Amino acid sequence: MAEREQLIGRFLERHGWHGAMRGRLAGDASFRHYDRLSTERRRAVLMDAPPPKEDVRPFIQIARHLAALGYSAPQLLAADEEAGLLLLEDLGDDTFTRLLAGGADESALYALAVDLLADLHRRGPAAIPAGLPPYDDERLLTEALLLTDWYLPEMLGRPLSDGQRAEYVELWRRLFPIARQMPDTLVLRDFHVDNLMRLSGRPGIAACGLLDFQDAVAGPLTYDLMSLLEDARRDIDLGLIAAMKDRYLTALPGLDRQAFDASWAMLAAQRHAKVIGIFTRLCRRDGKPIYLQHIPRVWRLLDAALQHPALAEMAAWLDRHLPRERRGIPVP
């Protein structure tokens, strides 16, 4: 820890921030931490993303790409890629989460985020930067297996048999093509209110600040909208969800609604299975039990996604191998 602090100190001195006030802004479910730096005249954000557990290069690539497209990602002020240290523009404190907690207009904030996604997705292939990894079947499958490899053993008291796990894998492989009925775009992957900011003084969709996009991939355009409107950490009124879906589809009238809904349901089921597994892993492996409180909400979202006819076999598999009365919260 002391060695890391010395490294940070040298980085700040090199870039003119020696002596700046430094206060913790946030940490998240990763190994990254964010500090606000302030002097009498300026502010910035320090991202501390220690290698080898973190890699700042994808963040740099996506931030520059988003800025080139006219979106409000933080400007990169300085970087030491080998050390995992970045100095970023400080976008302020007005996350959507904080604004909503303070009584801000929910519909207006969600409409701003939806309009940004619609604008990005209308760009077609130009939205995807060169060399961006695909959200391919292996990546989707690895994430879906977090449910069976972390959560199910906690709730059942034993791991799945090889045959049960193989059946689960085969079901997902048959489902993935459903998601790909929609065009590919830049998928930011963690597009939800914790990672969105309202920026005063910027016009139109530039008023929507973007955070935490380093895990971006090229994948179906349904993913980020679903991530926004089926939030693992926040209940959203069904009427608002329907209105925002309609707003998005009105902005992209060429999309097939039936294929869109099927792609949404499949990706929602995959994401919610992943998140339940991640929250369990964060508790067991990383000593972060705070996320367990969200598991009942995520199960409700997963159950809703499984109501789509295309997911009937997956719903039946879960009913057989994880009865509803066992779908609780792991004991910390």
C-alpha atoms as a PDB file:
ATOM      1  CA  MET A   1       0.000   0.000   0.000  1.00  0.00           C
ATOM      2  CA  ALA A   2       2.784   2.444   0.908  1.00  0.00           C
ATOM      3  CA  GLU A   3       4.588   1.649  -2.344  1.00  0.00           C
ATOM      4  CA  ARG A   4       1.410   2.303  -4.318  1.00  0.00           C
ATOM      5  CA  GLU A   5       0.948   5.639  -2.590  1.00  0.00           C
ATOM      6  CA  GLN A   6       4.497   6.635  -3.454  1.00  0.00           C
ATOM      7  CA  LEU A   7       3.835   5.751  -7.093  1.00  0.00           C
ATOM      8  CA  ILE A   8       0.693   7.868  -7.067  1.00  0.00           C
ATOM      9  CA  GLY A   9       2.542  10.740  -5.444  1.00  0.00           C
ATOM     10  CA  ARG A  10       5.197  10.756  -8.171  1.00  0.00           C
ATOM     11  CA  PHE A  11       2.498  10.589 -10.868  1.00  0.00           C
ATOM     12  CA  LEU A  12       0.663  13.575  -9.409  1.00  0.00           C
ATOM     13  CA  GLU A  13       3.876  15.566  -9.054  1.00  0.00           C
ATOM     14  CA  ARG A  14       4.850  14.900 -12.681  1.00  0.00           C
ATOM     15  CA  HIS A  15       1.549  16.286 -13.894  1.00  0.00           C
ATOM     16  CA  GLY A  16       1.324  19.360 -11.728  1.00  0.00           C
ATOM     17  CA  TRP A  17      -0.943  18.106  -8.952  1.00  0.00           C
ATOM     18  CA  HIS A  18       1.600  17.925  -6.122  1.00  0.00           C
ATOM     19  CA  GLY A  19       0.017  19.291  -2.960  1.00  0.00           C
ATOM     20  CA  ALA A  20      -3.564  19.048  -4.230  1.00  0.00           C
ATOM     21  CA  MET A  21      -6.246  18.110  -1.744  1.00  0.00           C
ATOM     22  CA  ARG A  22      -7.244  14.500  -2.300  1.00  0.00           C
ATOM     23  CA  GLY A  23     -10.492  12.892  -1.153  1.00  0.00           C
ATOM     24  CA  ARG A  24     -12.044   9.549  -1.966  1.00  0.00           C
ATOM     25  CA  LEU A  25     -14.837   9.845  -4.500  1.00  0.00           C
ATOM     26  CA  ALA A  26     -15.845   6.247  -4.991  1.00  0.00           C
ATOM     27  CA  GLY A  27     -14.895   2.642  -5.348  1.00  0.00           C
ATOM     28  CA  ASP A  28     -16.959   0.056  -7.135  1.00  0.00           C
ATOM     29  CA  ALA A  29     -17.312  -3.687  -7.531  1.00  0.00           C
ATOM     30  CA  SER A  30     -13.907  -3.806  -9.226  1.00  0.00           C
ATOM     31  CA  PHE A  31     -10.437  -3.050  -7.860  1.00  0.00           C
ATOM     32  CA  ARG A  32     -10.565   0.546  -9.148  1.00  0.00           C
ATOM     33  CA  HIS A  33     -10.753   3.572  -6.870  1.00  0.00           C
ATOM     34  CA  TYR A  34     -11.461   7.208  -7.666  1.00  0.00           C
ATOM     35  CA  ASP A  35     -10.196  10.264  -5.795  1.00  0.00           C
ATOM     36  CA  ARG A  36     -11.099  13.913  -6.334  1.00  0.00           C
ATOM     37  CA  LEU A  37      -8.117  16.245  -6.575  1.00  0.00           C
ATOM     38  CA  SER A  38      -8.672  19.925  -5.846  1.00  0.00           C
ATOM     39  CA  THR A  39      -6.678  23.129  -5.634  1.00  0.00           C
ATOM     40  CA  GLU A  40      -7.909  26.691  -5.327  1.00  0.00           C
ATOM     41  CA  ARG A  41      -8.492  26.925  -9.068  1.00  0.00           C
ATOM     42  CA  ARG A  42      -9.106  23.471 -10.511  1.00  0.00           C
ATOM     43  CA  ARG A  43     -10.334  19.950  -9.940  1.00  0.00           C
ATOM     44  CA  ALA A  44      -9.678  16.569 -11.485  1.00  0.00           C
ATOM     45  CA  VAL A  45     -10.326  12.895 -10.780  1.00  0.00           C
ATOM     46  CA  LEU A  46      -7.612  10.332 -10.157  1.00  0.00           C
ATOM     47  CA  MET A  47      -8.435   6.800 -11.317  1.00  0.00           C
ATOM     48  CA  ASP A  48      -6.327   4.249  -9.457  1.00  0.00           C
ATOM     49  CA  ALA A  49      -6.631   0.949 -11.320  1.00  0.00           C
ATOM     50  CA  PRO A  50      -3.781  -1.245 -10.083  1.00  0.00           C
ATOM     51  CA  PRO A  51      -2.330  -3.798 -12.517  1.00  0.00           C
ATOM     52  CA  PRO A  52      -2.525  -6.693 -13.088  1.00  0.00           C
ATOM     53  CA  LYS A  53      -6.086  -6.760 -11.750  1.00  0.00           C
ATOM     54  CA  GLU A  54      -7.083  -3.740 -13.844  1.00  0.00           C
ATOM     55  CA  ASP A  55      -6.095  -2.364 -17.257  1.00  0.00           C
ATOM     56  CA  VAL A  56      -6.742   1.301 -18.071  1.00  0.00           C
ATOM     57  CA  ARG A  57      -6.137   1.003 -21.818  1.00  0.00           C
ATOM     58  CA  PRO A  58      -9.718   0.000 -22.746  1.00  0.00           C
ATOM     59  CA  PHE A  59     -11.034   2.968 -20.746  1.00  0.00           C
ATOM     60  CA  ILE A  60      -8.711   5.324 -22.627  1.00  0.00           C
ATOM     61  CA  GLN A  61      -9.764   3.902 -26.008  1.00  0.00           C
ATOM     62  CA  ILE A  62     -13.489   4.136 -25.336  1.00  0.00           C
ATOM     63  CA  ALA A  63     -13.273   7.567 -23.683  1.00  0.00           C
ATOM     64  CA  ARG A  64     -11.523   9.000 -26.732  1.00  0.00           C
ATOM     65  CA  HIS A  65     -13.962   7.306 -29.094  1.00  0.00           C
ATOM     66  CA  LEU A  66     -17.001   8.612 -27.228  1.00  0.00           C
ATOM     67  CA  ALA A  67     -15.548  12.132 -27.133  1.00  0.00           C
ATOM     68  CA  ALA A  68     -14.857  11.994 -30.880  1.00  0.00           C
ATOM     69  CA  LEU A  69     -18.528  11.142 -31.419  1.00  0.00           C
ATOM     70  CA  GLY A  70     -19.560  14.185 -29.380  1.00  0.00           C
ATOM     71  CA  TYR A  71     -20.559  12.464 -26.140  1.00  0.00           C
ATOM     72  CA  SER A  72     -19.558  13.563 -22.651  1.00  0.00           C
ATOM     73  CA  ALA A  73     -17.006  11.041 -21.470  1.00  0.00           C
ATOM     74  CA  PRO A  74     -14.402  12.453 -19.092  1.00  0.00           C
ATOM     75  CA  GLN A  75     -11.509  14.146 -20.866  1.00  0.00           C
ATOM     76  CA  LEU A  76      -8.185  12.383 -20.336  1.00  0.00           C
ATOM     77  CA  LEU A  77      -5.729  14.818 -18.711  1.00  0.00           C
ATOM     78  CA  ALA A  78      -2.775  12.487 -18.070  1.00  0.00           C
ATOM     79  CA  ALA A  79      -2.030   8.768 -18.067  1.00  0.00           C
ATOM     80  CA  ASP A  80       0.490   6.227 -16.859  1.00  0.00           C
ATOM     81  CA  GLU A  81      -0.831   3.081 -18.481  1.00  0.00           C
ATOM     82  CA  GLU A  82       1.784   0.783 -16.998  1.00  0.00           C
ATOM     83  CA  ALA A  83       1.040   1.987 -13.466  1.00  0.00           C
ATOM     84  CA  GLY A  84      -2.738   1.993 -13.979  1.00  0.00           C
ATOM     85  CA  LEU A  85      -3.148   5.686 -13.178  1.00  0.00           C
ATOM     86  CA  LEU A  86      -5.273   8.244 -15.006  1.00  0.00           C
ATOM     87  CA  LEU A  87      -6.094  11.901 -14.438  1.00  0.00           C
ATOM     88  CA  LEU A  88      -9.584  12.659 -15.707  1.00  0.00           C
ATOM     89  CA  GLU A  89     -11.871  15.622 -16.112  1.00  0.00           C
ATOM     90  CA  ASP A  90     -14.092  16.018 -13.049  1.00  0.00           C
ATOM     91  CA  LEU A  91     -17.699  15.837 -14.234  1.00  0.00           C
ATOM     92  CA  GLY A  92     -19.077  16.814 -10.832  1.00  0.00           C
ATOM     93  CA  ASP A  93     -21.385  15.101  -8.378  1.00  0.00           C
ATOM     94  CA  ASP A  94     -24.741  14.935 -10.155  1.00  0.00           C
ATOM     95  CA  THR A  95     -25.039  11.248 -10.901  1.00  0.00           C
ATOM     96  CA  PHE A  96     -28.524  10.180 -11.919  1.00  0.00           C
ATOM     97  CA  THR A  97     -28.629   8.103  -8.744  1.00  0.00           C
ATOM     98  CA  ARG A  98     -28.007  11.138  -6.553  1.00  0.00           C
ATOM     99  CA  LEU A  99     -30.421  13.315  -8.508  1.00  0.00           C
ATOM    100  CA  LEU A 100     -33.193  10.716  -8.314  1.00  0.00           C
ATOM    101  CA  ALA A 101     -32.677  10.362  -4.573  1.00  0.00           C
ATOM    102  CA  GLY A 102     -33.101  14.125  -4.320  1.00  0.00           C
ATOM    103  CA  GLY A 103     -36.425  14.107  -6.170  1.00  0.00           C
ATOM    104  CA  ALA A 104     -35.320  14.985  -9.709  1.00  0.00           C
ATOM    105  CA  ASP A 105     -37.659  14.358 -12.648  1.00  0.00           C
ATOM    106  CA  GLU A 106     -37.263  10.630 -13.261  1.00  0.00           C
ATOM    107  CA  SER A 107     -38.814  10.642 -16.720  1.00  0.00           C
ATOM    108  CA  ALA A 108     -36.594  13.486 -17.899  1.00  0.00           C
ATOM    109  CA  LEU A 109     -33.404  11.777 -16.745  1.00  0.00           C
ATOM    110  CA  TYR A 110     -34.306   8.444 -18.315  1.00  0.00           C
ATOM    111  CA  ALA A 111     -35.372  10.190 -21.526  1.00  0.00           C
ATOM    112  CA  LEU A 112     -31.964  11.869 -21.720  1.00  0.00           C
ATOM    113  CA  ALA A 113     -30.197   8.521 -21.384  1.00  0.00           C
ATOM    114  CA  VAL A 114     -32.509   6.845 -23.918  1.00  0.00           C
ATOM    115  CA  ASP A 115     -31.977   9.665 -26.410  1.00  0.00           C
ATOM    116  CA  LEU A 116     -28.215   9.251 -26.098  1.00  0.00           C
ATOM    117  CA  LEU A 117     -28.484   5.520 -26.819  1.00  0.00           C
ATOM    118  CA  ALA A 118     -30.775   6.130 -29.778  1.00  0.00           C
ATOM    119  CA  ASP A 119     -28.320   8.652 -31.209  1.00  0.00           C
ATOM    120  CA  LEU A 120     -25.408   6.243 -30.745  1.00  0.00           C
ATOM    121  CA  HIS A 121     -27.284   3.331 -32.291  1.00  0.00           C
ATOM    122  CA  ARG A 122     -28.412   5.324 -35.319  1.00  0.00           C
ATOM    123  CA  ARG A 123     -24.740   5.638 -36.276  1.00  0.00           C
ATOM    124  CA  GLY A 124     -24.613   1.966 -37.265  1.00  0.00           C
ATOM    125  CA  PRO A 125     -21.125   0.434 -37.617  1.00  0.00           C
ATOM    126  CA  ALA A 126     -19.509   3.861 -37.067  1.00  0.00           C
ATOM    127  CA  ALA A 127     -20.454   3.564 -33.394  1.00  0.00           C
ATOM    128  CA  ILE A 128     -17.989   0.681 -32.950  1.00  0.00           C
ATOM    129  CA  PRO A 129     -14.302   1.603 -32.557  1.00  0.00           C
ATOM    130  CA  ALA A 130     -11.689  -0.455 -34.383  1.00  0.00           C
ATOM    131  CA  GLY A 131     -10.484  -3.518 -32.528  1.00  0.00           C
ATOM    132  CA  LEU A 132     -13.334  -3.599 -30.004  1.00  0.00           C
ATOM    133  CA  PRO A 133     -13.865  -7.170 -28.759  1.00  0.00           C
ATOM    134  CA  PRO A 134     -17.167  -8.806 -29.723  1.00  0.00           C
ATOM    135  CA  TYR A 135     -19.837  -9.815 -27.237  1.00  0.00           C
ATOM    136  CA  ASP A 136     -19.510 -13.315 -28.614  1.00  0.00           C
ATOM    137  CA  ASP A 137     -21.082 -16.552 -27.405  1.00  0.00           C
ATOM    138  CA  GLU A 138     -18.108 -17.509 -25.250  1.00  0.00           C
ATOM    139  CA  ARG A 139     -18.193 -14.210 -23.376  1.00  0.00           C
ATOM    140  CA  LEU A 140     -21.956 -14.417 -22.883  1.00  0.00           C
ATOM    141  CA  LEU A 141     -21.670 -18.015 -21.718  1.00  0.00           C
ATOM    142  CA  THR A 142     -18.848 -17.317 -19.267  1.00  0.00           C
ATOM    143  CA  GLU A 143     -21.025 -14.658 -17.662  1.00  0.00           C
ATOM    144  CA  ALA A 144     -24.153 -16.835 -17.556  1.00  0.00           C
ATOM    145  CA  LEU A 145     -22.171 -19.576 -15.793  1.00  0.00           C
ATOM    146  CA  LEU A 146     -21.594 -17.264 -12.833  1.00  0.00           C
ATOM    147  CA  LEU A 147     -25.099 -18.232 -11.706  1.00  0.00           C
ATOM    148  CA  THR A 148     -24.405 -21.958 -11.719  1.00  0.00           C
ATOM    149  CA  ASP A 149     -20.805 -21.789 -10.529  1.00  0.00           C
ATOM    150  CA  TRP A 150     -21.252 -19.342  -7.632  1.00  0.00           C
ATOM    151  CA  TYR A 151     -24.900 -18.898  -6.659  1.00  0.00           C
ATOM    152  CA  LEU A 152     -26.362 -22.388  -7.075  1.00  0.00           C
ATOM    153  CA  PRO A 153     -23.760 -24.143  -4.896  1.00  0.00           C
ATOM    154  CA  GLU A 154     -24.457 -21.602  -2.154  1.00  0.00           C
ATOM    155  CA  MET A 155     -28.185 -22.270  -2.222  1.00  0.00           C
ATOM    156  CA  LEU A 156     -28.092 -26.025  -2.849  1.00  0.00           C
ATOM    157  CA  GLY A 157     -25.123 -26.870  -0.650  1.00  0.00           C
ATOM    158  CA  ARG A 158     -23.408 -28.687  -3.518  1.00  0.00           C
ATOM    159  CA  PRO A 159     -22.179 -28.018  -7.058  1.00  0.00           C
ATOM    160  CA  LEU A 160     -24.131 -29.086 -10.109  1.00  0.00           C
ATOM    161  CA  SER A 161     -23.284 -32.401 -11.710  1.00  0.00           C
ATOM    162  CA  ASP A 162     -21.369 -32.307 -14.981  1.00  0.00           C
ATOM    163  CA  GLY A 163     -24.507 -33.365 -16.818  1.00  0.00           C
ATOM    164  CA  GLN A 164     -26.654 -30.629 -15.287  1.00  0.00           C
ATOM    165  CA  ARG A 165     -24.071 -27.978 -16.080  1.00  0.00           C
ATOM    166  CA  ALA A 166     -23.680 -29.245 -19.649  1.00  0.00           C
ATOM    167  CA  GLU A 167     -27.445 -29.016 -20.180  1.00  0.00           C
ATOM    168  CA  TYR A 168     -27.429 -25.423 -18.913  1.00  0.00           C
ATOM    169  CA  VAL A 169     -24.593 -24.571 -21.316  1.00  0.00           C
ATOM    170  CA  GLU A 170     -26.400 -26.131 -24.280  1.00  0.00           C
ATOM    171  CA  LEU A 171     -29.598 -24.215 -23.526  1.00  0.00           C
ATOM    172  CA  TRP A 172     -27.724 -20.909 -23.591  1.00  0.00           C
ATOM    173  CA  ARG A 173     -25.950 -21.784 -26.822  1.00  0.00           C
ATOM    174  CA  ARG A 174     -29.340 -22.320 -28.452  1.00  0.00           C
ATOM    175  CA  LEU A 175     -30.602 -18.996 -27.092  1.00  0.00           C
ATOM    176  CA  PHE A 176     -27.761 -16.684 -28.085  1.00  0.00           C
ATOM    177  CA  PRO A 177     -28.784 -16.372 -31.771  1.00  0.00           C
ATOM    178  CA  ILE A 178     -32.051 -14.780 -30.594  1.00  0.00           C
ATOM    179  CA  ALA A 179     -30.113 -11.793 -29.253  1.00  0.00           C
ATOM    180  CA  ARG A 180     -28.293 -11.375 -32.546  1.00  0.00           C
ATOM    181  CA  GLN A 181     -31.465 -10.664 -34.481  1.00  0.00           C
ATOM    182  CA  MET A 182     -30.683  -7.032 -33.640  1.00  0.00           C
ATOM    183  CA  PRO A 183     -27.815  -5.048 -35.211  1.00  0.00           C
ATOM    184  CA  ASP A 184     -24.510  -4.742 -33.386  1.00  0.00           C
ATOM    185  CA  THR A 185     -23.338  -1.472 -31.868  1.00  0.00           C
ATOM    186  CA  LEU A 186     -21.010  -0.181 -29.167  1.00  0.00           C
ATOM    187  CA  VAL A 187     -22.281  -1.808 -25.958  1.00  0.00           C
ATOM    188  CA  LEU A 188     -21.088   0.075 -22.861  1.00  0.00           C
ATOM    189  CA  ARG A 189     -22.320  -2.827 -20.653  1.00  0.00           C
ATOM    190  CA  ASP A 190     -22.789  -0.927 -17.375  1.00  0.00           C
ATOM    191  CA  PHE A 191     -25.209   1.675 -18.654  1.00  0.00           C
ATOM    192  CA  HIS A 192     -27.379   2.509 -15.636  1.00  0.00           C
ATOM    193  CA  VAL A 193     -28.085   5.419 -13.301  1.00  0.00           C
ATOM    194  CA  ASP A 194     -24.977   4.937 -11.132  1.00  0.00           C
ATOM    195  CA  ASN A 195     -22.794   5.577 -14.188  1.00  0.00           C
ATOM    196  CA  LEU A 196     -24.709   8.475 -15.760  1.00  0.00           C
ATOM    197  CA  MET A 197     -24.402  12.155 -14.854  1.00  0.00           C
ATOM    198  CA  ARG A 198     -26.395  15.288 -15.544  1.00  0.00           C
ATOM    199  CA  LEU A 199     -24.026  18.018 -16.735  1.00  0.00           C
ATOM    200  CA  SER A 200     -25.377  21.543 -16.486  1.00  0.00           C
ATOM    201  CA  GLY A 201     -24.499  23.950 -19.246  1.00  0.00           C
ATOM    202  CA  ARG A 202     -24.178  21.318 -21.968  1.00  0.00           C
ATOM    203  CA  PRO A 203     -26.847  21.134 -24.690  1.00  0.00           C
ATOM    204  CA  GLY A 204     -28.927  18.148 -25.729  1.00  0.00           C
ATOM    205  CA  ILE A 205     -27.504  14.685 -25.153  1.00  0.00           C
ATOM    206  CA  ALA A 206     -24.118  16.197 -24.257  1.00  0.00           C
ATOM    207  CA  ALA A 207     -25.777  16.897 -20.903  1.00  0.00           C
ATOM    208  CA  CYS A 208     -25.539  13.146 -20.205  1.00  0.00           C
ATOM    209  CA  GLY A 209     -22.135  12.356 -18.732  1.00  0.00           C
ATOM    210  CA  LEU A 210     -20.806   8.822 -19.140  1.00  0.00           C
ATOM    211  CA  LEU A 211     -18.772   6.820 -16.616  1.00  0.00           C
ATOM    212  CA  ASP A 212     -17.495   3.238 -16.245  1.00  0.00           C
ATOM    213  CA  PHE A 213     -17.385   2.043 -19.841  1.00  0.00           C
ATOM    214  CA  GLN A 214     -14.040   0.244 -19.911  1.00  0.00           C
ATOM    215  CA  ASP A 215     -15.711  -3.152 -20.414  1.00  0.00           C
ATOM    216  CA  ALA A 216     -17.360  -2.072 -23.673  1.00  0.00           C
ATOM    217  CA  VAL A 217     -17.857  -4.615 -26.456  1.00  0.00           C
ATOM    218  CA  ALA A 218     -19.511  -4.843 -29.854  1.00  0.00           C
ATOM    219  CA  GLY A 219     -22.891  -6.497 -29.443  1.00  0.00           C
ATOM    220  CA  PRO A 220     -26.677  -6.277 -29.891  1.00  0.00           C
ATOM    221  CA  LEU A 221     -28.131  -2.809 -29.514  1.00  0.00           C
ATOM    222  CA  THR A 222     -30.779  -4.077 -27.070  1.00  0.00           C
ATOM    223  CA  TYR A 223     -28.248  -4.630 -24.282  1.00  0.00           C
ATOM    224  CA  ASP A 224     -27.611  -1.136 -22.896  1.00  0.00           C
ATOM    225  CA  LEU A 225     -31.254  -0.072 -23.036  1.00  0.00           C
ATOM    226  CA  MET A 226     -32.189  -3.238 -21.157  1.00  0.00           C
ATOM    227  CA  SER A 227     -29.387  -2.570 -18.635  1.00  0.00           C
ATOM    228  CA  LEU A 228     -30.743   0.934 -18.053  1.00  0.00           C
ATOM    229  CA  LEU A 229     -34.387  -0.076 -17.630  1.00  0.00           C
ATOM    230  CA  GLU A 230     -33.927  -3.384 -15.780  1.00  0.00           C
ATOM    231  CA  ASP A 231     -31.642  -2.048 -13.073  1.00  0.00           C
ATOM    232  CA  ALA A 232     -30.274  -4.539 -10.544  1.00  0.00           C
ATOM    233  CA  ARG A 233     -30.119  -1.868  -7.836  1.00  0.00           C
ATOM    234  CA  ARG A 234     -33.283   0.147  -8.418  1.00  0.00           C
ATOM    235  CA  ASP A 235     -36.995  -0.516  -8.915  1.00  0.00           C
ATOM    236  CA  ILE A 236     -38.430   1.225 -11.989  1.00  0.00           C
ATOM    237  CA  ASP A 237     -42.122   1.660 -12.696  1.00  0.00           C
ATOM    238  CA  LEU A 238     -43.347  -0.606 -15.493  1.00  0.00           C
ATOM    239  CA  GLY A 239     -45.119   2.315 -17.123  1.00  0.00           C
ATOM    240  CA  LEU A 240     -41.884   4.270 -17.313  1.00  0.00           C
ATOM    241  CA  ILE A 241     -40.090   1.261 -18.806  1.00  0.00           C
ATOM    242  CA  ALA A 242     -42.765   0.917 -21.492  1.00  0.00           C
ATOM    243  CA  ALA A 243     -42.662   4.637 -22.274  1.00  0.00           C
ATOM    244  CA  MET A 244     -38.874   4.630 -22.623  1.00  0.00           C
ATOM    245  CA  LYS A 245     -38.933   1.551 -24.863  1.00  0.00           C
ATOM    246  CA  ASP A 246     -41.474   3.284 -27.087  1.00  0.00           C
ATOM    247  CA  ARG A 247     -39.346   6.446 -27.127  1.00  0.00           C
ATOM    248  CA  TYR A 248     -36.338   4.442 -28.263  1.00  0.00           C
ATOM    249  CA  LEU A 249     -38.207   2.446 -30.907  1.00  0.00           C
ATOM    250  CA  THR A 250     -39.777   5.626 -32.282  1.00  0.00           C
ATOM    251  CA  ALA A 251     -36.258   6.988 -32.748  1.00  0.00           C
ATOM    252  CA  LEU A 252     -35.197   3.799 -34.589  1.00  0.00           C
ATOM    253  CA  PRO A 253     -38.318   2.941 -36.614  1.00  0.00           C
ATOM    254  CA  GLY A 254     -36.615   0.311 -38.763  1.00  0.00           C
ATOM    255  CA  LEU A 255     -36.281  -2.218 -35.936  1.00  0.00           C
ATOM    256  CA  ASP A 256     -38.562  -5.250 -35.889  1.00  0.00           C
ATOM    257  CA  ARG A 257     -40.511  -5.035 -32.606  1.00  0.00           C
ATOM    258  CA  GLN A 258     -40.989  -8.781 -32.180  1.00  0.00           C
ATOM    259  CA  ALA A 259     -37.290  -9.521 -32.750  1.00  0.00           C
ATOM    260  CA  PHE A 260     -36.388  -6.593 -30.485  1.00  0.00           C
ATOM    261  CA  ASP A 261     -38.509  -7.977 -27.643  1.00  0.00           C
ATOM    262  CA  ALA A 262     -37.021 -11.466 -28.028  1.00  0.00           C
ATOM    263  CA  SER A 263     -33.459 -10.116 -28.071  1.00  0.00           C
ATOM    264  CA  TRP A 264     -34.238  -8.012 -24.993  1.00  0.00           C
ATOM    265  CA  ALA A 265     -35.649 -10.985 -23.061  1.00  0.00           C
ATOM    266  CA  MET A 266     -32.706 -13.234 -23.883  1.00  0.00           C
ATOM    267  CA  LEU A 267     -30.099 -10.630 -22.927  1.00  0.00           C
ATOM    268  CA  ALA A 268     -32.048  -9.684 -19.805  1.00  0.00           C
ATOM    269  CA  ALA A 269     -32.074 -13.299 -18.655  1.00  0.00           C
ATOM    270  CA  GLN A 270     -28.350 -13.623 -19.353  1.00  0.00           C
ATOM    271  CA  ARG A 271     -27.474 -10.374 -17.560  1.00  0.00           C
ATOM    272  CA  HIS A 272     -29.589 -11.101 -14.506  1.00  0.00           C
ATOM    273  CA  ALA A 273     -28.139 -14.617 -14.208  1.00  0.00           C
ATOM    274  CA  LYS A 274     -24.675 -13.071 -14.411  1.00  0.00           C
ATOM    275  CA  VAL A 275     -25.436 -10.389 -11.829  1.00  0.00           C
ATOM    276  CA  ILE A 276     -26.822 -12.855  -9.275  1.00  0.00           C
ATOM    277  CA  GLY A 277     -23.616 -14.835  -9.671  1.00  0.00           C
ATOM    278  CA  ILE A 278     -21.424 -11.731  -9.437  1.00  0.00           C
ATOM    279  CA  PHE A 279     -23.132 -10.478  -6.288  1.00  0.00           C
ATOM    280  CA  THR A 280     -22.586 -13.897  -4.717  1.00  0.00           C
ATOM    281  CA  ARG A 281     -18.941 -13.940  -5.778  1.00  0.00           C
ATOM    282  CA  LEU A 282     -18.381 -10.427  -4.445  1.00  0.00           C
ATOM    283  CA  CYS A 283     -19.505 -11.683  -1.054  1.00  0.00           C
ATOM    284  CA  ARG A 284     -17.675 -15.000  -0.993  1.00  0.00           C
ATOM    285  CA  ARG A 285     -14.444 -14.165  -2.792  1.00  0.00           C
ATOM    286  CA  ASP A 286     -14.029 -10.433  -2.241  1.00  0.00           C
ATOM    287  CA  GLY A 287     -15.669  -9.886   1.146  1.00  0.00           C
ATOM    288  CA  LYS A 288     -18.286  -7.423  -0.195  1.00  0.00           C
ATOM    289  CA  PRO A 289     -21.676  -8.652   1.087  1.00  0.00           C
ATOM    290  CA  ILE A 290     -23.428  -5.310   0.515  1.00  0.00           C
ATOM    291  CA  TYR A 291     -24.564  -6.392  -2.961  1.00  0.00           C
ATOM    292  CA  LEU A 292     -26.523  -9.386  -1.646  1.00  0.00           C
ATOM    293  CA  GLN A 293     -29.443  -7.115  -0.754  1.00  0.00           C
ATOM    294  CA  HIS A 294     -30.218  -6.688  -4.456  1.00  0.00           C
ATOM    295  CA  ILE A 295     -30.565 -10.389  -5.263  1.00  0.00           C
ATOM    296  CA  PRO A 296     -34.366 -10.594  -4.665  1.00  0.00           C
ATOM    297  CA  ARG A 297     -34.897  -7.741  -7.129  1.00  0.00           C
ATOM    298  CA  VAL A 298     -32.654  -9.384  -9.714  1.00  0.00           C
ATOM    299  CA  TRP A 299     -34.548 -12.666  -9.348  1.00  0.00           C
ATOM    300  CA  ARG A 300     -37.810 -10.807 -10.028  1.00  0.00           C
ATOM    301  CA  LEU A 301     -36.268  -9.366 -13.177  1.00  0.00           C
ATOM    302  CA  LEU A 302     -34.918 -12.756 -14.230  1.00  0.00           C
ATOM    303  CA  ASP A 303     -38.284 -14.422 -13.646  1.00  0.00           C
ATOM    304  CA  ALA A 304     -39.972 -11.748 -15.779  1.00  0.00           C
ATOM    305  CA  ALA A 305     -37.500 -12.291 -18.633  1.00  0.00           C
ATOM    306  CA  LEU A 306     -38.060 -16.049 -18.467  1.00  0.00           C
ATOM    307  CA  GLN A 307     -41.742 -15.518 -19.249  1.00  0.00           C
ATOM    308  CA  HIS A 308     -40.854 -14.934 -22.900  1.00  0.00           C
ATOM    309  CA  PRO A 309     -41.799 -18.060 -24.915  1.00  0.00           C
ATOM    310  CA  ALA A 310     -38.300 -18.351 -26.359  1.00  0.00           C
ATOM    311  CA  LEU A 311     -36.938 -18.897 -22.844  1.00  0.00           C
ATOM    312  CA  ALA A 312     -39.369 -21.617 -21.782  1.00  0.00           C
ATOM    313  CA  GLU A 313     -36.738 -24.366 -21.699  1.00  0.00           C
ATOM    314  CA  MET A 314     -34.384 -22.255 -19.596  1.00  0.00           C
ATOM    315  CA  ALA A 315     -37.213 -21.472 -17.186  1.00  0.00           C
ATOM    316  CA  ALA A 316     -37.984 -25.191 -16.897  1.00  0.00           C
ATOM    317  CA  TRP A 317     -34.309 -26.016 -16.269  1.00  0.00           C
ATOM    318  CA  LEU A 318     -34.164 -23.541 -13.401  1.00  0.00           C
ATOM    319  CA  ASP A 319     -37.433 -24.848 -11.942  1.00  0.00           C
ATOM    320  CA  ARG A 320     -35.971 -28.374 -11.926  1.00  0.00           C
ATOM    321  CA  HIS A 321     -32.550 -27.591 -10.536  1.00  0.00           C
ATOM    322  CA  LEU A 322     -33.195 -24.529  -8.387  1.00  0.00           C
ATOM    323  CA  PRO A 323     -36.743 -24.588  -6.992  1.00  0.00           C
ATOM    324  CA  ARG A 324     -38.264 -21.198  -6.283  1.00  0.00           C
ATOM    325  CA  GLU A 325     -38.104 -21.688  -2.530  1.00  0.00           C
ATOM    326  CA  ARG A 326     -34.293 -21.957  -2.809  1.00  0.00           C
ATOM    327  CA  ARG A 327     -33.892 -18.656  -4.690  1.00  0.00           C
ATOM    328  CA  GLY A 328     -33.002 -16.593  -1.678  1.00  0.00           C
ATOM    329  CA  ILE A 329     -30.046 -14.567  -0.437  1.00  0.00           C
ATOM    330  CA  PRO A 330     -26.836 -16.456   0.399  1.00  0.00           C
ATOM    331  CA  VAL A 331     -25.843 -16.242   4.014  1.00  0.00           C
ATOM    332  CA  PRO A 332     -22.905 -13.777   4.317  1.00  0.00           C
END
